[in-house]
Protein backbone atom coordinates (compact mmCIF):
# COMPACT_ATOMS: atom_id res chain seq x y z
CA MET A 1 83.14 98.69 92.33
CA THR A 2 83.76 102.29 91.94
CA PRO A 3 86.16 104.65 93.82
CA ALA A 4 83.34 105.49 96.61
CA ASP A 5 83.72 101.85 97.58
CA VAL A 6 87.27 102.49 97.92
CA VAL A 7 87.05 105.59 99.83
CA GLY A 8 84.36 104.16 102.04
CA GLU A 9 86.29 101.17 103.01
CA ALA A 10 89.41 103.37 104.03
CA LEU A 11 86.95 105.57 106.25
CA THR A 12 86.33 102.93 107.94
CA TRP A 13 90.07 102.29 109.12
CA MET A 14 89.96 106.12 110.66
CA GLY A 15 91.31 106.12 114.42
CA THR A 16 93.38 102.54 113.67
CA PRO A 17 96.47 102.96 115.54
CA TYR A 18 99.91 102.86 113.80
CA ARG A 19 101.82 99.55 113.82
CA HIS A 20 104.58 98.58 112.06
CA GLN A 21 104.08 96.20 109.39
CA ALA A 22 100.25 95.32 110.96
CA SER A 23 97.19 95.36 109.06
CA ALA A 24 94.28 94.66 111.37
CA LYS A 25 91.58 97.38 111.39
CA GLY A 26 90.80 99.01 114.56
CA LEU A 27 94.06 97.21 116.07
CA GLY A 28 96.72 98.52 114.09
CA CYS A 29 98.49 99.02 110.63
CA ASP A 30 100.88 100.98 108.89
CA CYS A 31 100.54 102.77 105.45
CA LEU A 32 100.63 99.73 103.34
CA GLY A 33 98.94 97.66 106.03
CA LEU A 34 95.75 100.25 105.41
CA ILE A 35 95.97 99.49 101.67
CA CYS A 36 96.29 95.68 102.07
CA GLY A 37 93.43 95.60 104.51
CA VAL A 38 91.29 97.69 101.95
CA TRP A 39 92.32 95.58 99.27
CA ARG A 40 91.27 92.45 101.61
CA ALA A 41 87.98 93.69 102.17
CA LEU A 42 86.89 95.06 98.42
CA TYR A 43 88.75 91.65 96.60
CA GLN A 44 88.54 89.05 99.33
CA TYR A 45 92.13 88.08 99.13
CA GLU A 46 95.40 88.96 100.34
CA LEU A 47 97.13 91.83 98.32
CA PRO A 48 100.99 90.15 97.81
CA ALA A 49 102.94 92.36 100.14
CA PRO A 50 106.62 92.39 101.14
CA HIS A 51 106.98 89.97 104.45
CA ASP A 52 109.68 92.25 106.21
CA TYR A 53 110.53 95.41 105.53
CA ALA A 54 112.25 98.34 107.70
CA PRO A 55 110.24 101.51 108.77
CA ASP A 56 112.07 103.43 106.36
CA TRP A 57 111.94 100.69 103.31
CA ASN A 58 115.25 100.25 103.17
CA CYS A 59 116.30 97.03 104.35
CA ASP A 60 117.83 95.65 101.11
CA GLY A 61 119.49 99.10 100.43
CA GLY A 62 117.23 100.71 98.92
CA GLY A 63 115.40 100.38 95.45
CA GLU A 64 112.09 101.33 94.17
CA ARG A 65 110.41 98.11 96.18
CA LEU A 66 107.25 99.89 97.05
CA LEU A 67 106.51 101.38 93.66
CA ALA A 68 107.48 98.24 91.92
CA GLY A 69 104.97 96.21 93.72
CA VAL A 70 102.46 98.96 93.16
CA ARG A 71 102.79 98.85 89.65
CA GLN A 72 102.20 95.04 89.31
CA HIS A 73 98.80 95.12 90.84
CA PHE A 74 97.66 98.69 90.21
CA ARG A 75 96.98 100.85 87.08
CA PRO A 76 98.80 103.82 86.63
CA CYS A 77 96.91 106.84 85.97
CA SER A 78 97.36 110.03 84.86
CA ALA A 79 98.52 113.44 87.13
CA GLU A 80 95.62 114.81 85.93
CA ALA A 81 93.21 111.88 87.25
CA PRO A 82 90.87 112.62 90.07
CA LEU A 83 92.24 111.47 93.37
CA HIS A 84 89.06 110.17 94.43
CA GLY A 85 89.39 106.40 94.98
CA ARG A 86 93.29 106.55 93.65
CA LEU A 87 96.30 105.17 95.85
CA LEU A 88 98.52 107.36 96.27
CA VAL A 89 102.38 106.52 96.52
CA PHE A 90 104.67 109.44 97.95
CA ARG A 91 108.70 109.80 98.14
CA TRP A 92 109.92 111.84 100.77
CA ARG A 93 112.93 113.51 98.92
CA PRO A 94 113.22 113.55 94.97
CA HIS A 95 115.92 111.19 94.37
CA TRP A 96 114.63 108.81 97.41
CA PRO A 97 112.91 105.49 96.77
CA ALA A 98 108.93 105.54 97.34
CA ARG A 99 108.13 104.91 100.97
CA HIS A 100 104.78 106.01 101.74
CA MET A 101 101.19 105.86 100.37
CA GLY A 102 97.43 106.60 100.99
CA ILE A 103 94.01 106.74 99.12
CA GLY A 104 92.69 110.00 98.03
CA VAL A 105 89.28 110.74 99.22
CA ASN A 106 88.99 113.72 97.02
CA ASP A 107 91.06 116.15 95.23
CA ASP A 108 92.01 117.94 98.44
CA HIS A 109 92.29 115.18 100.99
CA PHE A 110 93.90 111.56 101.27
CA ILE A 111 93.67 108.88 104.18
CA HIS A 112 96.78 107.18 105.73
CA ALA A 113 98.54 105.75 108.14
CA TYR A 114 101.69 107.24 109.45
CA GLU A 115 103.34 107.11 112.96
CA GLY A 116 103.61 110.60 113.89
CA GLY A 117 100.17 111.26 112.64
CA GLY A 118 98.15 109.28 115.06
CA GLY A 119 97.60 106.00 113.38
CA VAL A 120 94.93 106.31 110.29
CA VAL A 121 94.00 109.87 109.75
CA THR A 122 92.61 112.13 106.80
CA SER A 123 94.87 114.76 105.80
CA PHE A 124 94.69 117.92 103.58
CA LEU A 125 96.53 117.32 100.29
CA VAL A 126 98.63 120.40 100.67
CA PRO A 127 101.78 121.35 98.65
CA GLN A 128 104.33 119.80 100.79
CA TRP A 129 102.37 116.35 99.85
CA ARG A 130 101.58 117.18 96.28
CA ARG A 131 105.11 117.65 95.46
CA ARG A 132 106.15 114.18 97.15
CA ILE A 133 103.74 112.20 94.93
CA ALA A 134 105.52 109.63 92.96
CA GLY A 135 102.53 108.01 91.28
CA ILE A 136 98.81 107.67 91.35
CA PHE A 137 97.34 104.43 90.35
CA ALA A 138 93.73 103.11 90.19
CA PHE A 139 92.36 99.64 92.02
CA PRO A 140 91.81 96.99 89.39
CA ASN A 141 88.31 97.05 87.98
CA ILE A 142 87.54 100.46 88.60
């Protein structure tokens, strides 16, 4: 498996509408659902994910639930690593828990699902996004 395989699968999700806690290509997904769907297509089994979570990930009073879960299944990469095919985890504010994720298409774009953006889209990795990166991770066996 290669980073191109990850990006290729993620791009097949383009246009999928945003649906909180969903992970169905073409029907609906949120940012975690997109990652779970890509994982399912690549590895042929389900990525363990929280069964219930609020849209803002604050259902248990905070904490780094999303980042902790990512660390169980993905390999951390350095900040200098190429972003192509990497899982990007974001936090909205410096001291808030991570609450969003996407997949690097290249060093300037990433694909993600978000409610205000029309579902699964590719976005420029502009400075406003870059400064919110909480972690960069490789999919297993890549």
